[in-house]
C-alpha atoms as a PDB file:
ATOM      1  CA  MET A   1       4.923  29.181   3.754  1.00  0.00           C
ATOM      2  CA  LYS A   2       1.305  28.075   4.276  1.00  0.00           C
ATOM      3  CA  LYS A   3       1.258  24.757   5.701  1.00  0.00           C
ATOM      4  CA  ILE A   4      -1.562  22.199   4.846  1.00  0.00           C
ATOM      5  CA  LYS A   5      -3.785  20.848   7.443  1.00  0.00           C
ATOM      6  CA  VAL A   6      -3.769  17.115   7.923  1.00  0.00           C
ATOM      7  CA  SER A   7      -6.017  14.411  10.189  1.00  0.00           C
ATOM      8  CA  ILE A   8      -5.321  11.009  11.006  1.00  0.00           C
ATOM      9  CA  ILE A   9      -8.305   8.695  11.397  1.00  0.00           C
ATOM     10  CA  GLY A  10      -6.815   5.575  13.015  1.00  0.00           C
ATOM     11  CA  ALA A  11      -3.474   7.370  14.649  1.00  0.00           C
ATOM     12  CA  THR A  12      -2.918   4.689  17.013  1.00  0.00           C
ATOM     13  CA  GLY A  13      -2.609   1.733  14.883  1.00  0.00           C
ATOM     14  CA  TYR A  14       0.801   1.062  12.870  1.00  0.00           C
ATOM     15  CA  SER A  15       0.163   2.666   9.608  1.00  0.00           C
ATOM     16  CA  GLY A  16      -1.229   5.774  11.950  1.00  0.00           C
ATOM     17  CA  ARG A  17       2.076   5.678  14.001  1.00  0.00           C
ATOM     18  CA  GLU A  18       4.026   5.168  10.663  1.00  0.00           C
ATOM     19  CA  LEU A  19       1.709   8.509   8.945  1.00  0.00           C
ATOM     20  CA  ILE A  20       3.258  10.444  12.209  1.00  0.00           C
ATOM     21  CA  LYS A  21       6.714   9.668  11.695  1.00  0.00           C
ATOM     22  CA  ILE A  22       6.901  10.342   8.234  1.00  0.00           C
ATOM     23  CA  LEU A  23       4.760  13.696   8.436  1.00  0.00           C
ATOM     24  CA  LEU A  24       6.553  14.942  11.140  1.00  0.00           C
ATOM     25  CA  LYS A  25       9.816  15.302   8.728  1.00  0.00           C
ATOM     26  CA  ASN A  26       7.650  17.305   6.583  1.00  0.00           C
ATOM     27  CA  PRO A  27       7.662  21.271   7.204  1.00  0.00           C
ATOM     28  CA  GLN A  28       4.783  22.070   4.591  1.00  0.00           C
ATOM     29  CA  VAL A  29       2.386  19.961   6.995  1.00  0.00           C
ATOM     30  CA  GLU A  30       0.778  20.656  10.017  1.00  0.00           C
ATOM     31  CA  LEU A  31      -1.056  17.886  12.088  1.00  0.00           C
ATOM     32  CA  THR A  32      -4.107  19.252  13.355  1.00  0.00           C
ATOM     33  CA  ASN A  33      -6.604  15.759  14.454  1.00  0.00           C
ATOM     34  CA  LEU A  34      -5.468  12.596  15.380  1.00  0.00           C
ATOM     35  CA  VAL A  35      -8.439  10.383  15.829  1.00  0.00           C
ATOM     36  CA  SER A  36      -8.630   6.893  18.203  1.00  0.00           C
ATOM     37  CA  ALA A  37     -11.758   5.136  19.140  1.00  0.00           C
ATOM     38  CA  SER A  38      -9.214   3.637  21.501  1.00  0.00           C
ATOM     39  CA  TYR A  39      -7.609   6.243  23.438  1.00  0.00           C
ATOM     40  CA  ALA A  40      -9.369   9.130  22.996  1.00  0.00           C
ATOM     41  CA  GLY A  41      -8.530  12.240  25.478  1.00  0.00           C
ATOM     42  CA  LYS A  42      -5.143  10.704  25.913  1.00  0.00           C
ATOM     43  CA  ASN A  43      -2.009  12.540  24.544  1.00  0.00           C
ATOM     44  CA  ILE A  44      -0.104  10.771  21.830  1.00  0.00           C
ATOM     45  CA  ASN A  45       2.630  10.801  23.894  1.00  0.00           C
ATOM     46  CA  GLU A  46       1.242   8.405  26.501  1.00  0.00           C
ATOM     47  CA  ILE A  47       0.403   5.967  23.663  1.00  0.00           C
ATOM     48  CA  PHE A  48       3.847   6.337  21.721  1.00  0.00           C
ATOM     49  CA  PRO A  49       6.379   8.163  24.243  1.00  0.00           C
ATOM     50  CA  GLU A  50       8.653   8.293  20.945  1.00  0.00           C
ATOM     51  CA  PHE A  51       6.775  11.220  19.913  1.00  0.00           C
ATOM     52  CA  LEU A  52       7.581  12.992  23.159  1.00  0.00           C
ATOM     53  CA  HIS A  53       9.055  16.875  22.561  1.00  0.00           C
ATOM     54  CA  GLN A  54       8.060  16.274  19.008  1.00  0.00           C
ATOM     55  CA  LEU A  55       3.947  16.466  19.230  1.00  0.00           C
ATOM     56  CA  ASP A  56       2.290  17.432  22.268  1.00  0.00           C
ATOM     57  CA  LYS A  57      -1.856  16.404  20.863  1.00  0.00           C
ATOM     58  CA  ASN A  58      -4.881  15.082  22.550  1.00  0.00           C
ATOM     59  CA  LEU A  59      -6.382  12.165  20.650  1.00  0.00           C
ATOM     60  CA  ILE A  60      -9.812  12.866  19.889  1.00  0.00           C
ATOM     61  CA  GLU A  61     -13.242  10.700  19.329  1.00  0.00           C
ATOM     62  CA  LEU A  62     -14.165  10.655  14.995  1.00  0.00           C
ATOM     63  CA  ASP A  63     -16.220  13.978  14.346  1.00  0.00           C
ATOM     64  CA  ILE A  64     -16.965  14.177  10.520  1.00  0.00           C
ATOM     65  CA  ASP A  65     -17.921  17.921  11.113  1.00  0.00           C
ATOM     66  CA  LYS A  66     -14.968  19.006  12.839  1.00  0.00           C
ATOM     67  CA  ILE A  67     -12.315  17.077  10.975  1.00  0.00           C
ATOM     68  CA  SER A  68     -13.484  18.347   7.789  1.00  0.00           C
ATOM     69  CA  ALA A  69     -13.730  22.009   9.159  1.00  0.00           C
ATOM     70  CA  ASP A  70      -9.606  21.737  10.056  1.00  0.00           C
ATOM     71  CA  SER A  71      -8.530  19.792   7.150  1.00  0.00           C
ATOM     72  CA  ASP A  72      -7.040  20.311   4.018  1.00  0.00           C
ATOM     73  CA  VAL A  73      -6.321  16.419   3.446  1.00  0.00           C
ATOM     74  CA  VAL A  74      -7.457  13.037   5.625  1.00  0.00           C
ATOM     75  CA  PHE A  75      -5.788   9.881   5.951  1.00  0.00           C
ATOM     76  CA  THR A  76      -7.911   7.022   6.768  1.00  0.00           C
ATOM     77  CA  ALA A  77      -6.014   4.340   8.744  1.00  0.00           C
ATOM     78  CA  LEU A  78      -8.294   2.101   9.590  1.00  0.00           C
ATOM     79  CA  PRO A  79      -8.873  -1.485   9.558  1.00  0.00           C
ATOM     80  CA  HIS A  80     -11.036  -2.838   5.805  1.00  0.00           C
ATOM     81  CA  THR A  81     -14.782  -2.169   5.676  1.00  0.00           C
ATOM     82  CA  VAL A  82     -14.406   0.357   8.845  1.00  0.00           C
ATOM     83  CA  SER A  83     -13.388   2.996   6.333  1.00  0.00           C
ATOM     84  CA  LEU A  84     -16.431   2.492   3.626  1.00  0.00           C
ATOM     85  CA  ASP A  85     -19.075   4.890   5.453  1.00  0.00           C
ATOM     86  CA  ILE A  86     -16.729   7.034   7.208  1.00  0.00           C
ATOM     87  CA  VAL A  87     -15.183   8.035   3.614  1.00  0.00           C
ATOM     88  CA  THR A  88     -18.207   8.128   1.947  1.00  0.00           C
ATOM     89  CA  ASP A  89     -19.070  10.969   4.483  1.00  0.00           C
ATOM     90  CA  LEU A  90     -15.845  12.595   4.658  1.00  0.00           C
ATOM     91  CA  SER A  91     -16.068  12.633   0.663  1.00  0.00           C
ATOM     92  CA  ASN A  92     -19.427  14.461   0.803  1.00  0.00           C
ATOM     93  CA  ARG A  93     -18.372  17.331   2.606  1.00  0.00           C
ATOM     94  CA  LYS A  94     -16.466  20.353   1.615  1.00  0.00           C
ATOM     95  CA  GLU A  95     -13.129  20.502  -0.751  1.00  0.00           C
ATOM     96  CA  LEU A  96     -11.671  17.554   0.806  1.00  0.00           C
ATOM     97  CA  LYS A  97      -8.889  15.183   0.046  1.00  0.00           C
ATOM     98  CA  ILE A  98      -8.882  11.796   1.580  1.00  0.00           C
ATOM     99  CA  ILE A  99      -6.490   9.254   1.055  1.00  0.00           C
ATOM    100  CA  ASP A 100      -7.779   5.760   2.305  1.00  0.00           C
ATOM    101  CA  LEU A 101      -5.286   2.904   3.616  1.00  0.00           C
ATOM    102  CA  SER A 102      -7.985   0.674   3.599  1.00  0.00           C
ATOM    103  CA  ALA A 103      -9.199  -1.765   0.723  1.00  0.00           C
ATOM    104  CA  ASP A 104     -12.842  -0.437   0.807  1.00  0.00           C
ATOM    105  CA  PHE A 105     -12.433   1.939  -2.346  1.00  0.00           C
ATOM    106  CA  ARG A 106      -9.562   0.030  -4.069  1.00  0.00           C
ATOM    107  CA  ILE A 107     -11.811  -2.675  -5.694  1.00  0.00           C
ATOM    108  CA  LYS A 108     -13.651  -1.197  -8.789  1.00  0.00           C
ATOM    109  CA  ASP A 109     -16.238  -3.666  -9.215  1.00  0.00           C
ATOM    110  CA  PRO A 110     -19.132  -3.346  -5.791  1.00  0.00           C
ATOM    111  CA  ASP A 111     -19.467  -7.082  -6.621  1.00  0.00           C
ATOM    112  CA  ASN A 112     -15.758  -8.436  -6.186  1.00  0.00           C
ATOM    113  CA  TYR A 113     -15.187  -6.103  -2.854  1.00  0.00           C
ATOM    114  CA  ALA A 114     -18.664  -7.364  -1.317  1.00  0.00           C
ATOM    115  CA  PHE A 115     -17.255 -11.442  -2.364  1.00  0.00           C
ATOM    116  CA  TRP A 116     -13.747 -10.469  -1.072  1.00  0.00           C
ATOM    117  CA  TYR A 117     -14.612  -8.489   2.247  1.00  0.00           C
ATOM    118  CA  LYS A 118     -18.236  -9.875   2.794  1.00  0.00           C
ATOM    119  CA  LYS A 119     -19.545  -6.382   3.069  1.00  0.00           C
ATOM    120  CA  GLU A 120     -21.620  -4.290   0.426  1.00  0.00           C
ATOM    121  CA  HIS A 121     -21.280  -1.080  -0.945  1.00  0.00           C
ATOM    122  CA  THR A 122     -24.337   1.350  -0.576  1.00  0.00           C
ATOM    123  CA  GLU A 123     -25.659   3.528  -3.429  1.00  0.00           C
ATOM    124  CA  LYS A 124     -23.711   6.350  -1.790  1.00  0.00           C
ATOM    125  CA  SER A 125     -20.514   4.843  -1.437  1.00  0.00           C
ATOM    126  CA  LYS A 126     -21.122   3.378  -5.097  1.00  0.00           C
ATOM    127  CA  SER A 127     -20.888   6.745  -6.314  1.00  0.00           C
ATOM    128  CA  VAL A 128     -17.882   7.753  -4.184  1.00  0.00           C
ATOM    129  CA  LEU A 129     -15.760   4.861  -5.617  1.00  0.00           C
ATOM    130  CA  LYS A 130     -16.083   6.106  -8.597  1.00  0.00           C
ATOM    131  CA  LYS A 131     -14.046   8.783  -8.213  1.00  0.00           C
ATOM    132  CA  ALA A 132     -11.456   6.973  -6.381  1.00  0.00           C
ATOM    133  CA  VAL A 133      -8.004   6.805  -7.835  1.00  0.00           C
ATOM    134  CA  TYR A 134      -5.548   3.388  -7.164  1.00  0.00           C
ATOM    135  CA  GLY A 135      -2.777   5.158  -5.500  1.00  0.00           C
ATOM    136  CA  LEU A 136       0.136   3.278  -7.158  1.00  0.00           C
ATOM    137  CA  PRO A 137       2.207   6.369  -7.971  1.00  0.00           C
ATOM    138  CA  GLU A 138       4.033   4.181 -10.441  1.00  0.00           C
ATOM    139  CA  LEU A 139       1.701   3.613 -12.437  1.00  0.00           C
ATOM    140  CA  TYR A 140      -1.192   6.346 -11.961  1.00  0.00           C
ATOM    141  CA  LYS A 141       0.776   9.161 -11.196  1.00  0.00           C
ATOM    142  CA  ASP A 142      -0.994  11.429 -13.565  1.00  0.00           C
ATOM    143  CA  ILE A 143      -4.484  11.148 -12.563  1.00  0.00           C
ATOM    144  CA  ILE A 144      -3.078  10.725  -8.651  1.00  0.00           C
ATOM    145  CA  ILE A 145      -2.312  14.304  -9.370  1.00  0.00           C
ATOM    146  CA  LYS A 146      -5.821  15.249 -10.111  1.00  0.00           C
ATOM    147  CA  SER A 147      -7.709  13.592  -7.643  1.00  0.00           C
ATOM    148  CA  SER A 148      -9.412  14.045  -4.370  1.00  0.00           C
ATOM    149  CA  LEU A 149     -10.151  10.621  -3.363  1.00  0.00           C
ATOM    150  CA  VAL A 150      -7.010   8.150  -3.305  1.00  0.00           C
ATOM    151  CA  ALA A 151      -7.219   4.160  -2.246  1.00  0.00           C
ATOM    152  CA  ASN A 152      -3.927   3.662  -1.017  1.00  0.00           C
ATOM    153  CA  PRO A 153      -3.086   0.133  -2.055  1.00  0.00           C
ATOM    154  CA  GLY A 154      -2.063  -2.679   0.123  1.00  0.00           C
ATOM    155  CA  CYS A 155       1.119  -4.317   1.232  1.00  0.00           C
ATOM    156  CA  TYR A 156       1.244  -7.399  -0.778  1.00  0.00           C
ATOM    157  CA  PRO A 157      -0.046  -5.731  -4.233  1.00  0.00           C
ATOM    158  CA  THR A 158       2.226  -3.300  -4.195  1.00  0.00           C
ATOM    159  CA  SER A 159       5.110  -5.420  -4.007  1.00  0.00           C
ATOM    160  CA  VAL A 160       3.366  -7.854  -6.332  1.00  0.00           C
ATOM    161  CA  ILE A 161       2.356  -5.534  -8.952  1.00  0.00           C
ATOM    162  CA  LEU A 162       5.171  -3.455  -9.012  1.00  0.00           C
ATOM    163  CA  GLY A 163       7.419  -6.508  -9.824  1.00  0.00           C
ATOM    164  CA  ILE A 164       5.267  -7.481 -12.799  1.00  0.00           C
ATOM    165  CA  ALA A 165       4.025  -4.379 -14.444  1.00  0.00           C
ATOM    166  CA  PRO A 166       6.889  -4.016 -16.958  1.00  0.00           C
ATOM    167  CA  LEU A 167       6.458  -7.949 -17.745  1.00  0.00           C
ATOM    168  CA  LEU A 168       2.587  -7.882 -18.429  1.00  0.00           C
ATOM    169  CA  LYS A 169       2.692  -4.428 -20.019  1.00  0.00           C
ATOM    170  CA  ASN A 170       5.385  -5.231 -22.526  1.00  0.00           C
ATOM    171  CA  LYS A 171       3.611  -8.697 -23.245  1.00  0.00           C
ATOM    172  CA  LEU A 172       6.724 -10.731 -22.409  1.00  0.00           C
ATOM    173  CA  VAL A 173       4.704 -13.141 -20.234  1.00  0.00           C
ATOM    174  CA  SER A 174       1.919 -15.400 -20.111  1.00  0.00           C
ATOM    175  CA  PRO A 175      -1.069 -13.887 -18.215  1.00  0.00           C
ATOM    176  CA  LYS A 176      -2.033 -17.399 -17.692  1.00  0.00           C
ATOM    177  CA  GLY A 177      -0.613 -19.311 -14.446  1.00  0.00           C
ATOM    178  CA  ILE A 178       0.974 -16.809 -12.289  1.00  0.00           C
ATOM    179  CA  ILE A 179       2.020 -17.872  -9.005  1.00  0.00           C
ATOM    180  CA  VAL A 180       3.235 -15.546  -6.128  1.00  0.00           C
ATOM    181  CA  ASP A 181       4.867 -16.581  -3.119  1.00  0.00           C
ATOM    182  CA  SER A 182       4.938 -13.634  -0.654  1.00  0.00           C
ATOM    183  CA  LYS A 183       6.482 -13.370   3.058  1.00  0.00           C
ATOM    184  CA  SER A 184       5.663 -10.565   5.618  1.00  0.00           C
ATOM    185  CA  GLY A 185       6.511  -9.296   8.990  1.00  0.00           C
ATOM    186  CA  THR A 186       3.836  -9.722  11.907  1.00  0.00           C
ATOM    187  CA  SER A 187       3.106  -5.491  11.373  1.00  0.00           C
ATOM    188  CA  GLY A 188       1.062  -6.457   8.299  1.00  0.00           C
ATOM    189  CA  ALA A 189      -1.839  -7.960  10.814  1.00  0.00           C
ATOM    190  CA  GLY A 190      -2.160  -4.727  12.073  1.00  0.00           C
ATOM    191  CA  ARG A 191      -1.865  -4.079  16.074  1.00  0.00           C
ATOM    192  CA  LYS A 192      -5.043  -5.944  17.149  1.00  0.00           C
ATOM    193  CA  LEU A 193      -4.990  -8.894  19.789  1.00  0.00           C
ATOM    194  CA  ALA A 194      -4.638 -12.472  17.991  1.00  0.00           C
ATOM    195  CA  LEU A 195      -3.537 -15.404  19.138  1.00  0.00           C
ATOM    196  CA  GLY A 196      -1.536 -16.514  16.227  1.00  0.00           C
ATOM    197  CA  LEU A 197       0.424 -12.856  16.475  1.00  0.00           C
ATOM    198  CA  HIS A 198       1.585 -13.500  19.989  1.00  0.00           C
ATOM    199  CA  PHE A 199       5.384 -13.717  20.420  1.00  0.00           C
ATOM    200  CA  THR A 200       5.677 -17.282  21.685  1.00  0.00           C
ATOM    201  CA  GLU A 201       3.386 -18.285  18.497  1.00  0.00           C
ATOM    202  CA  CYS A 202       5.752 -16.370  15.866  1.00  0.00           C
ATOM    203  CA  ASN A 203       9.395 -16.789  17.172  1.00  0.00           C
ATOM    204  CA  GLU A 204      11.339 -19.264  15.863  1.00  0.00           C
ATOM    205  CA  ASN A 205       8.387 -19.960  13.847  1.00  0.00           C
ATOM    206  CA  PHE A 206       7.357 -19.728   9.903  1.00  0.00           C
ATOM    207  CA  LYS A 207       4.134 -20.805   8.336  1.00  0.00           C
ATOM    208  CA  ALA A 208       1.907 -20.229   5.006  1.00  0.00           C
ATOM    209  CA  TYR A 209      -1.760 -19.075   5.941  1.00  0.00           C
ATOM    210  CA  LYS A 210      -4.914 -18.288   3.688  1.00  0.00           C
ATOM    211  CA  CYS A 211      -3.719 -20.316   0.751  1.00  0.00           C
ATOM    212  CA  THR A 212      -6.317 -19.953  -1.520  1.00  0.00           C
ATOM    213  CA  MET A 213      -8.768 -16.808  -0.664  1.00  0.00           C
ATOM    214  CA  HIS A 214      -6.418 -14.116   0.455  1.00  0.00           C
ATOM    215  CA  ASN A 215      -8.326 -11.112   0.354  1.00  0.00           C
ATOM    216  CA  HIS A 216      -5.618  -8.933  -1.781  1.00  0.00           C
ATOM    217  CA  ILE A 217      -5.926 -11.745  -4.400  1.00  0.00           C
ATOM    218  CA  SER A 218      -8.844  -9.489  -5.884  1.00  0.00           C
ATOM    219  CA  GLU A 219      -6.824  -6.334  -5.932  1.00  0.00           C
ATOM    220  CA  ILE A 220      -3.475  -7.840  -7.489  1.00  0.00           C
ATOM    221  CA  GLU A 221      -5.962  -9.362 -10.073  1.00  0.00           C
ATOM    222  CA  GLN A 222      -7.582  -6.104 -11.015  1.00  0.00           C
ATOM    223  CA  GLU A 223      -4.607  -4.534 -11.402  1.00  0.00           C
ATOM    224  CA  LEU A 224      -2.776  -6.991 -13.425  1.00  0.00           C
ATOM    225  CA  PHE A 225      -5.559  -7.102 -15.552  1.00  0.00           C
ATOM    226  CA  TYR A 226      -5.349  -3.479 -16.232  1.00  0.00           C
ATOM    227  CA  LEU A 227      -1.743  -4.035 -17.174  1.00  0.00           C
ATOM    228  CA  TYR A 228      -2.029  -6.436 -19.595  1.00  0.00           C
ATOM    229  CA  GLY A 229      -4.676  -4.421 -21.625  1.00  0.00           C
ATOM    230  CA  MET A 230      -7.778  -5.716 -19.993  1.00  0.00           C
ATOM    231  CA  SER A 231      -7.938  -8.526 -23.067  1.00  0.00           C
ATOM    232  CA  GLU A 232      -7.881 -11.492 -20.939  1.00  0.00           C
ATOM    233  CA  ASP A 233      -9.338 -12.560 -17.472  1.00  0.00           C
ATOM    234  CA  ILE A 234      -5.975 -12.686 -14.863  1.00  0.00           C
ATOM    235  CA  LYS A 235      -6.220 -15.615 -12.104  1.00  0.00           C
ATOM    236  CA  ILE A 236      -3.007 -15.747  -9.966  1.00  0.00           C
ATOM    237  CA  SER A 237      -1.821 -18.541  -7.216  1.00  0.00           C
ATOM    238  CA  PHE A 238      -0.958 -16.807  -4.053  1.00  0.00           C
ATOM    239  CA  THR A 239       0.345 -17.605  -0.859  1.00  0.00           C
ATOM    240  CA  PRO A 240       1.233 -15.248   2.030  1.00  0.00           C
ATOM    241  CA  HIS A 241       3.751 -16.611   4.941  1.00  0.00           C
ATOM    242  CA  LEU A 242       4.595 -15.041   8.135  1.00  0.00           C
ATOM    243  CA  LEU A 243       7.602 -13.910   8.879  1.00  0.00           C
ATOM    244  CA  PRO A 244       9.049 -14.114  12.570  1.00  0.00           C
ATOM    245  CA  ILE A 245      10.092 -10.400  12.203  1.00  0.00           C
ATOM    246  CA  ASN A 246       8.346  -7.289  12.828  1.00  0.00           C
ATOM    247  CA  ARG A 247       8.140  -5.508   9.324  1.00  0.00           C
ATOM    248  CA  GLY A 248       9.059  -6.495   5.494  1.00  0.00           C
ATOM    249  CA  ILE A 249       7.805  -8.381   2.932  1.00  0.00           C
ATOM    250  CA  LEU A 250       9.749 -10.420  -0.040  1.00  0.00           C
ATOM    251  CA  SER A 251       7.642 -11.562  -2.888  1.00  0.00           C
ATOM    252  CA  THR A 252       8.635 -14.174  -5.294  1.00  0.00           C
ATOM    253  CA  SER A 253       6.392 -13.907  -8.726  1.00  0.00           C
ATOM    254  CA  TYR A 254       6.716 -16.668 -11.392  1.00  0.00           C
ATOM    255  CA  LEU A 255       5.758 -16.331 -14.736  1.00  0.00           C
ATOM    256  CA  GLU A 256       5.724 -18.169 -18.067  1.00  0.00           C
ATOM    257  CA  MET A 257       8.199 -16.394 -20.813  1.00  0.00           C
ATOM    258  CA  GLU A 258       6.312 -15.684 -23.865  1.00  0.00           C
ATOM    259  CA  LYS A 259       9.476 -13.843 -25.739  1.00  0.00           C
ATOM    260  CA  ASN A 260      13.091 -14.928 -25.576  1.00  0.00           C
ATOM    261  CA  VAL A 261      14.653 -12.665 -22.915  1.00  0.00           C
ATOM    262  CA  ASN A 262      18.051 -12.823 -20.813  1.00  0.00           C
ATOM    263  CA  GLU A 263      18.406 -10.842 -17.758  1.00  0.00           C
ATOM    264  CA  ASN A 264      20.312  -8.082 -19.150  1.00  0.00           C
ATOM    265  CA  ASP A 265      17.462  -7.602 -21.197  1.00  0.00           C
ATOM    266  CA  LEU A 266      15.299  -7.470 -18.543  1.00  0.00           C
ATOM    267  CA  TRP A 267      17.308  -4.889 -16.764  1.00  0.00           C
ATOM    268  CA  GLU A 268      17.215  -2.579 -19.338  1.00  0.00           C
ATOM    269  CA  ILE A 269      13.297  -3.182 -19.983  1.00  0.00           C
ATOM    270  CA  TYR A 270      12.760  -2.404 -15.820  1.00  0.00           C
ATOM    271  CA  LYS A 271      15.175   0.760 -15.860  1.00  0.00           C
ATOM    272  CA  GLU A 272      13.608   2.350 -18.682  1.00  0.00           C
ATOM    273  CA  PHE A 273       9.956   1.360 -17.255  1.00  0.00           C
ATOM    274  CA  TYR A 274      10.392   2.928 -13.802  1.00  0.00           C
ATOM    275  CA  GLN A 275      12.847   5.971 -14.970  1.00  0.00           C
ATOM    276  CA  ASP A 276      10.698   8.404 -13.601  1.00  0.00           C
ATOM    277  CA  ALA A 277       9.938   6.472 -10.348  1.00  0.00           C
ATOM    278  CA  PRO A 278      12.292   7.772  -7.521  1.00  0.00           C
ATOM    279  CA  PHE A 279      10.997   4.770  -5.119  1.00  0.00           C
ATOM    280  CA  VAL A 280      12.152   1.856  -7.230  1.00  0.00           C
ATOM    281  CA  ARG A 281      15.506   0.350  -7.538  1.00  0.00           C
ATOM    282  CA  ILE A 282      16.323  -1.839  -9.889  1.00  0.00           C
ATOM    283  CA  PHE A 283      19.071  -4.261  -8.858  1.00  0.00           C
ATOM    284  CA  ASN A 284      21.614  -5.223 -11.773  1.00  0.00           C
ATOM    285  CA  PRO A 285      20.873  -9.168 -12.198  1.00  0.00           C
ATOM    286  CA  SER A 286      23.846 -10.629 -10.135  1.00  0.00           C
ATOM    287  CA  ILE A 287      22.135  -9.294  -6.785  1.00  0.00           C
ATOM    288  CA  LEU A 288      18.179  -9.881  -5.359  1.00  0.00           C
ATOM    289  CA  PRO A 289      16.499  -7.764  -3.204  1.00  0.00           C
ATOM    290  CA  GLU A 290      16.623  -8.448   0.602  1.00  0.00           C
ATOM    291  CA  ILE A 291      14.234  -7.328   3.249  1.00  0.00           C
ATOM    292  CA  LYS A 292      17.112  -5.398   5.088  1.00  0.00           C
ATOM    293  CA  PHE A 293      17.890  -3.336   2.079  1.00  0.00           C
ATOM    294  CA  VAL A 294      14.101  -1.161   2.335  1.00  0.00           C
ATOM    295  CA  ASN A 295      13.694  -1.741   6.016  1.00  0.00           C
ATOM    296  CA  GLU A 296      11.921   1.988   7.235  1.00  0.00           C
ATOM    297  CA  THR A 297      12.247   3.347   3.649  1.00  0.00           C
ATOM    298  CA  ASN A 298       9.279   4.110   0.962  1.00  0.00           C
ATOM    299  CA  TYR A 299      11.772   1.839  -1.533  1.00  0.00           C
ATOM    300  CA  CYS A 300      10.358  -0.901  -3.799  1.00  0.00           C
ATOM    301  CA  ASP A 301      13.498  -3.123  -4.871  1.00  0.00           C
ATOM    302  CA  ILE A 302      13.248  -5.264  -7.471  1.00  0.00           C
ATOM    303  CA  GLY A 303      15.423  -8.149  -9.120  1.00  0.00           C
ATOM    304  CA  PHE A 304      15.032 -10.896 -11.158  1.00  0.00           C
ATOM    305  CA  ALA A 305      16.091 -14.173 -12.588  1.00  0.00           C
ATOM    306  CA  VAL A 306      15.573 -16.052 -15.855  1.00  0.00           C
ATOM    307  CA  ASP A 307      15.343 -20.052 -15.568  1.00  0.00           C
ATOM    308  CA  SER A 308      15.171 -20.679 -18.977  1.00  0.00           C
ATOM    309  CA  ARG A 309      15.485 -24.197 -18.452  1.00  0.00           C
ATOM    310  CA  VAL A 310      11.804 -24.167 -17.464  1.00  0.00           C
ATOM    311  CA  ASN A 311      10.934 -21.080 -19.607  1.00  0.00           C
ATOM    312  CA  LYS A 312      10.088 -18.806 -16.456  1.00  0.00           C
ATOM    313  CA  ILE A 313      10.880 -15.257 -14.903  1.00  0.00           C
ATOM    314  CA  LYS A 314      11.044 -14.992 -11.490  1.00  0.00           C
ATOM    315  CA  ILE A 315      10.919 -11.706 -10.045  1.00  0.00           C
ATOM    316  CA  ILE A 316      11.781 -10.870  -6.608  1.00  0.00           C
ATOM    317  CA  SER A 317      10.774  -7.538  -5.163  1.00  0.00           C
ATOM    318  CA  ALA A 318      10.976  -6.100  -1.459  1.00  0.00           C
ATOM    319  CA  ILE A 319       8.992  -3.417   0.363  1.00  0.00           C
ATOM    320  CA  ASP A 320       8.734  -2.158   4.113  1.00  0.00           C
ATOM    321  CA  ASN A 321       5.092  -3.332   4.665  1.00  0.00           C
ATOM    322  CA  LEU A 322       4.488  -0.342   7.007  1.00  0.00           C
ATOM    323  CA  VAL A 323       6.176   2.483   4.588  1.00  0.00           C
ATOM    324  CA  LYS A 324       6.103   1.495   0.863  1.00  0.00           C
ATOM    325  CA  GLY A 325       3.065  -0.771   1.422  1.00  0.00           C
ATOM    326  CA  ALA A 326       1.408   1.870   3.627  1.00  0.00           C
ATOM    327  CA  SER A 327       1.996   4.886   5.083  1.00  0.00           C
ATOM    328  CA  GLY A 328       5.177   6.274   3.027  1.00  0.00           C
ATOM    329  CA  GLN A 329       3.091   5.442   0.140  1.00  0.00           C
ATOM    330  CA  ALA A 330       0.111   7.360   1.238  1.00  0.00           C
ATOM    331  CA  VAL A 331       1.936  10.075   1.851  1.00  0.00           C
ATOM    332  CA  GLN A 332       3.785   9.908  -1.673  1.00  0.00           C
ATOM    333  CA  ASN A 333       0.515  10.313  -2.735  1.00  0.00           C
ATOM    334  CA  MET A 334      -0.314  13.012  -0.519  1.00  0.00           C
ATOM    335  CA  ASN A 335       2.791  14.937  -2.133  1.00  0.00           C
ATOM    336  CA  LEU A 336       1.698  14.651  -5.631  1.00  0.00           C
ATOM    337  CA  MET A 337      -1.885  15.461  -4.898  1.00  0.00           C
ATOM    338  CA  PHE A 338      -0.698  18.972  -3.449  1.00  0.00           C
ATOM    339  CA  GLY A 339       1.997  19.727  -5.720  1.00  0.00           C
ATOM    340  CA  PHE A 340       5.046  19.008  -3.791  1.00  0.00           C
ATOM    341  CA  PRO A 341       8.002  17.344  -4.234  1.00  0.00           C
ATOM    342  CA  GLU A 342       7.252  12.975  -4.379  1.00  0.00           C
ATOM    343  CA  GLU A 343      10.179  12.514  -2.217  1.00  0.00           C
ATOM    344  CA  SER A 344       9.210  15.138   0.187  1.00  0.00           C
ATOM    345  CA  GLY A 345       9.570  13.876   4.065  1.00  0.00           C
ATOM    346  CA  LEU A 346      10.218   9.979   2.574  1.00  0.00           C
ATOM    347  CA  VAL A 347      13.642   8.086   2.160  1.00  0.00           C
END
């Protein structure tokens, strides 16, 4: 069986490391290039000793020509705005599939992207943006299969959109006044050094941050708008929090009911909506998701509660931010793009 050749740009960040861990389990994959601006020339085992006897490969500087020639698919696991020019260059080379883990090609309106991420699209990147597919397999599987550029969703948006999608699609709730409260482990901020992420700042602590202008808001609103049928603008009130744990996200969304449903109704609606989604688990109304249930898996667990006293539906969704929220979902997209079983190499 011929293996597909895979390169990772940004191989030494948290998402890059997670990609390597997952791809090493996939017999259909050969890792060809591991790119790292910080550690070029070093062996991957020097940076991550857990790969000793599994992968013996030196990290390299970014070389678009070499990567294009050596690869069938490239994962770009880089910070937001850094991927923009790199992905644009890659997409203009040979027949190459690209899965970008940044936000640079998720936002379909270039002006909206510029507002939230403080970087302008170029004319070249705008043309690339037009062919980018938002990589949430549970919603866009059919077009992901045919795409050459997938914009892998963010971690918070994945947990929120999957949780809310059946309600908006079925017009069970109002698109107005949606409140989302999310909590994430510290790995969600990436591997860079930052005072607020030091152990003594996070340990035995719990805090909210970016209460009004978190850049994932634009991504969530865009996809909820599409789900509702693009008939009404959707604005959410989103508050993220930092948990003193390594990984995991728990999101609670509050929505106003427009149709009278109970928890058993919702259970049936959600099971039907996600019947072909192997990585979405719908919880019986008597059980609510917890972060520990999804740790180091590609699952999104969804539970709910109907608070009829205040006419609200509460949706609780949990993912591992590094797996379903990043690298696992990226591999799930790769599997679809190459015609592999969707679950290949994933748990």
